[in-house]
Amino acid sequence: LMELILSLSYNTSTITMNIN
């Protein structure tokens, strides 16, 4: 479960950086 949460967090961060 933790790995899934970390993975989602990482993906969200990457998407946010790409938008900026």
C-alpha atoms as a PDB file:
ATOM      1  CA  LEU A   1       0.000   0.000   0.000  1.00  0.00           C
ATOM      2  CA  MET A   2       2.780   2.413   0.895  1.00  0.00           C
ATOM      3  CA  GLU A   3       4.537   1.801  -2.399  1.00  0.00           C
ATOM      4  CA  LEU A   4       1.336   2.621  -4.254  1.00  0.00           C
ATOM      5  CA  ILE A   5       0.902   5.876  -2.352  1.00  0.00           C
ATOM      6  CA  LEU A   6       4.537   6.843  -2.928  1.00  0.00           C
ATOM      7  CA  SER A   7       4.202   6.001  -6.601  1.00  0.00           C
ATOM      8  CA  LEU A   8       1.108   8.162  -6.973  1.00  0.00           C
ATOM      9  CA  SER A   9       2.790  11.013  -5.103  1.00  0.00           C
ATOM     10  CA  TYR A  10       5.828  10.796  -7.365  1.00  0.00           C
ATOM     11  CA  ASN A  11       3.679  10.747 -10.500  1.00  0.00           C
ATOM     12  CA  THR A  12       1.660  13.728  -9.282  1.00  0.00           C
ATOM     13  CA  SER A  13       4.858  15.659  -8.596  1.00  0.00           C
ATOM     14  CA  THR A  14       6.187  14.856 -12.056  1.00  0.00           C
ATOM     15  CA  ILE A  15       2.960  15.971 -13.720  1.00  0.00           C
ATOM     16  CA  THR A  16       2.949  19.190 -11.715  1.00  0.00           C
ATOM     17  CA  MET A  17       6.537  19.932 -12.717  1.00  0.00           C
ATOM     18  CA  ASN A  18       5.719  19.248 -16.358  1.00  0.00           C
ATOM     19  CA  ILE A  19       2.805  21.699 -16.233  1.00  0.00           C
ATOM     20  CA  ASN A  20       5.103  24.363 -14.793  1.00  0.00           C
END
